Amino acid sequence: MTWLISLIAGLVGVPRPLAGVIAWAAIAVAVSGAAVGGYALIKHWGADELRAKIEKENTDAIHKGIDARMSLDECIDAGGVYDFGRQRCDAATLGPR
């Protein structure tokens, strides 16, 4: 650390105690910058993982909904009314009436 203080004092032309303050301030800025950068990176990774998980769950739910929808023939056979606008079976009974 002494060599760094001597280097700063020689280059900038300030007394050694002030050069020591400058050196410690530079070290503090570098360490805090690294800490904030690391935090931001970890937070970004976590957000990406969560976003991907939610998108996968939404896609799976859409596919399950499409697969569960009854066709026109199955709807009529079950005694329901097929809604062509929404392309799904409404009021279908699960058993005989």
C-alpha atoms as a PDB file:
ATOM      1  CA  MET A   1       0.000   0.000   0.000  1.00  0.00           C
ATOM      2  CA  THR A   2       2.934   2.297   0.696  1.00  0.00           C
ATOM      3  CA  TRP A   3       4.111   2.104  -2.901  1.00  0.00           C
ATOM      4  CA  LEU A   4       0.611   3.049  -4.109  1.00  0.00           C
ATOM      5  CA  ILE A   5       0.513   6.081  -1.809  1.00  0.00           C
ATOM      6  CA  SER A   6       3.984   7.123  -2.954  1.00  0.00           C
ATOM      7  CA  LEU A   7       2.955   6.710  -6.598  1.00  0.00           C
ATOM      8  CA  ILE A   8      -0.194   8.815  -6.153  1.00  0.00           C
ATOM      9  CA  ALA A   9       1.727  11.484  -4.222  1.00  0.00           C
ATOM     10  CA  GLY A  10       4.371  11.631  -6.949  1.00  0.00           C
ATOM     11  CA  LEU A  11       1.965  11.700  -9.906  1.00  0.00           C
ATOM     12  CA  VAL A  12      -0.613  14.085  -8.522  1.00  0.00           C
ATOM     13  CA  GLY A  13       1.786  16.176  -6.446  1.00  0.00           C
ATOM     14  CA  VAL A  14      -0.124  16.044  -3.168  1.00  0.00           C
ATOM     15  CA  PRO A  15       1.139  15.331   0.349  1.00  0.00           C
ATOM     16  CA  ARG A  16       1.378  11.676   1.440  1.00  0.00           C
ATOM     17  CA  PRO A  17      -1.596  11.789   3.883  1.00  0.00           C
ATOM     18  CA  LEU A  18      -3.866  13.142   1.146  1.00  0.00           C
ATOM     19  CA  ALA A  19      -2.528  10.523  -1.267  1.00  0.00           C
ATOM     20  CA  GLY A  20      -3.453   7.858   1.305  1.00  0.00           C
ATOM     21  CA  VAL A  21      -7.005   9.208   1.484  1.00  0.00           C
ATOM     22  CA  ILE A  22      -7.225   9.178  -2.320  1.00  0.00           C
ATOM     23  CA  ALA A  23      -5.928   5.582  -2.470  1.00  0.00           C
ATOM     24  CA  TRP A  24      -8.407   4.348   0.154  1.00  0.00           C
ATOM     25  CA  ALA A  25     -11.261   6.179  -1.563  1.00  0.00           C
ATOM     26  CA  ALA A  26     -10.349   4.569  -4.889  1.00  0.00           C
ATOM     27  CA  ILE A  27     -10.272   1.128  -3.255  1.00  0.00           C
ATOM     28  CA  ALA A  28     -13.664   1.751  -1.604  1.00  0.00           C
ATOM     29  CA  VAL A  29     -15.189   2.822  -4.929  1.00  0.00           C
ATOM     30  CA  ALA A  30     -13.804  -0.250  -6.701  1.00  0.00           C
ATOM     31  CA  VAL A  31     -15.061  -2.657  -4.026  1.00  0.00           C
ATOM     32  CA  SER A  32     -18.524  -1.084  -3.805  1.00  0.00           C
ATOM     33  CA  GLY A  33     -18.800  -1.058  -7.605  1.00  0.00           C
ATOM     34  CA  ALA A  34     -17.952  -4.740  -7.740  1.00  0.00           C
ATOM     35  CA  ALA A  35     -20.500  -5.510  -5.017  1.00  0.00           C
ATOM     36  CA  VAL A  36     -23.295  -3.558  -6.733  1.00  0.00           C
ATOM     37  CA  GLY A  37     -22.422  -5.117 -10.098  1.00  0.00           C
ATOM     38  CA  GLY A  38     -22.479  -8.619  -8.612  1.00  0.00           C
ATOM     39  CA  TYR A  39     -25.834  -7.977  -6.957  1.00  0.00           C
ATOM     40  CA  ALA A  40     -27.341  -6.676 -10.203  1.00  0.00           C
ATOM     41  CA  LEU A  41     -26.031  -9.690 -12.128  1.00  0.00           C
ATOM     42  CA  ILE A  42     -27.451 -12.194  -9.639  1.00  0.00           C
ATOM     43  CA  LYS A  43     -30.788 -10.350  -9.551  1.00  0.00           C
ATOM     44  CA  HIS A  44     -30.965 -10.365 -13.374  1.00  0.00           C
ATOM     45  CA  TRP A  45     -30.270 -14.108 -13.536  1.00  0.00           C
ATOM     46  CA  GLY A  46     -32.997 -14.802 -10.972  1.00  0.00           C
ATOM     47  CA  ALA A  47     -35.517 -12.693 -12.876  1.00  0.00           C
ATOM     48  CA  ASP A  48     -34.739 -14.523 -16.123  1.00  0.00           C
ATOM     49  CA  GLU A  49     -35.184 -17.914 -14.461  1.00  0.00           C
ATOM     50  CA  LEU A  50     -38.512 -16.879 -12.929  1.00  0.00           C
ATOM     51  CA  ARG A  51     -39.754 -15.398 -16.218  1.00  0.00           C
ATOM     52  CA  ALA A  52     -38.869 -18.605 -18.090  1.00  0.00           C
ATOM     53  CA  LYS A  53     -40.646 -20.708 -15.453  1.00  0.00           C
ATOM     54  CA  ILE A  54     -43.827 -18.619 -15.687  1.00  0.00           C
ATOM     55  CA  GLU A  55     -43.809 -18.728 -19.497  1.00  0.00           C
ATOM     56  CA  LYS A  56     -43.430 -22.526 -19.414  1.00  0.00           C
ATOM     57  CA  GLU A  57     -46.316 -22.869 -16.957  1.00  0.00           C
ATOM     58  CA  ASN A  58     -48.520 -20.641 -19.126  1.00  0.00           C
ATOM     59  CA  THR A  59     -47.687 -22.632 -22.255  1.00  0.00           C
ATOM     60  CA  ASP A  60     -48.414 -25.905 -20.452  1.00  0.00           C
ATOM     61  CA  ALA A  61     -51.759 -24.560 -19.211  1.00  0.00           C
ATOM     62  CA  ILE A  62     -52.732 -23.480 -22.736  1.00  0.00           C
ATOM     63  CA  HIS A  63     -51.884 -26.910 -24.141  1.00  0.00           C
ATOM     64  CA  LYS A  64     -53.795 -28.683 -21.361  1.00  0.00           C
ATOM     65  CA  GLY A  65     -56.820 -26.491 -22.043  1.00  0.00           C
ATOM     66  CA  ILE A  66     -56.718 -27.206 -25.754  1.00  0.00           C
ATOM     67  CA  ASP A  67     -56.321 -30.948 -25.153  1.00  0.00           C
ATOM     68  CA  ALA A  68     -59.209 -31.010 -22.659  1.00  0.00           C
ATOM     69  CA  ARG A  69     -61.641 -29.249 -24.955  1.00  0.00           C
ATOM     70  CA  MET A  70     -64.256 -31.578 -26.398  1.00  0.00           C
ATOM     71  CA  SER A  71     -64.812 -31.911 -30.105  1.00  0.00           C
ATOM     72  CA  LEU A  72     -68.186 -31.163 -31.683  1.00  0.00           C
ATOM     73  CA  ASP A  73     -69.218 -34.811 -31.902  1.00  0.00           C
ATOM     74  CA  GLU A  74     -68.149 -35.566 -28.332  1.00  0.00           C
ATOM     75  CA  CYS A  75     -70.059 -32.508 -27.105  1.00  0.00           C
ATOM     76  CA  ILE A  76     -73.295 -33.472 -28.852  1.00  0.00           C
ATOM     77  CA  ASP A  77     -72.957 -37.074 -27.678  1.00  0.00           C
ATOM     78  CA  ALA A  78     -72.589 -35.822 -24.089  1.00  0.00           C
ATOM     79  CA  GLY A  79     -75.742 -33.713 -24.428  1.00  0.00           C
ATOM     80  CA  GLY A  80     -73.989 -30.372 -24.494  1.00  0.00           C
ATOM     81  CA  VAL A  81     -74.228 -27.345 -26.739  1.00  0.00           C
ATOM     82  CA  TYR A  82     -71.188 -26.556 -28.858  1.00  0.00           C
ATOM     83  CA  ASP A  83     -70.181 -22.873 -28.826  1.00  0.00           C
ATOM     84  CA  PHE A  84     -68.609 -22.216 -32.238  1.00  0.00           C
ATOM     85  CA  GLY A  85     -67.446 -18.719 -31.323  1.00  0.00           C
ATOM     86  CA  ARG A  86     -65.362 -19.950 -28.431  1.00  0.00           C
ATOM     87  CA  GLN A  87     -64.799 -23.372 -29.999  1.00  0.00           C
ATOM     88  CA  ARG A  88     -65.698 -25.339 -26.919  1.00  0.00           C
ATOM     89  CA  CYS A  89     -68.493 -27.363 -25.415  1.00  0.00           C
ATOM     90  CA  ASP A  90     -70.861 -25.625 -23.000  1.00  0.00           C
ATOM     91  CA  ALA A  91     -73.120 -27.300 -20.461  1.00  0.00           C
ATOM     92  CA  ALA A  92     -72.060 -30.817 -21.295  1.00  0.00           C
ATOM     93  CA  THR A  93     -73.184 -33.326 -18.738  1.00  0.00           C
ATOM     94  CA  LEU A  94     -70.789 -35.925 -17.517  1.00  0.00           C
ATOM     95  CA  GLY A  95     -73.371 -38.705 -17.413  1.00  0.00           C
ATOM     96  CA  PRO A  96     -76.820 -39.590 -18.663  1.00  0.00           C
ATOM     97  CA  ARG A  97     -79.617 -37.108 -17.935  1.00  0.00           C
END
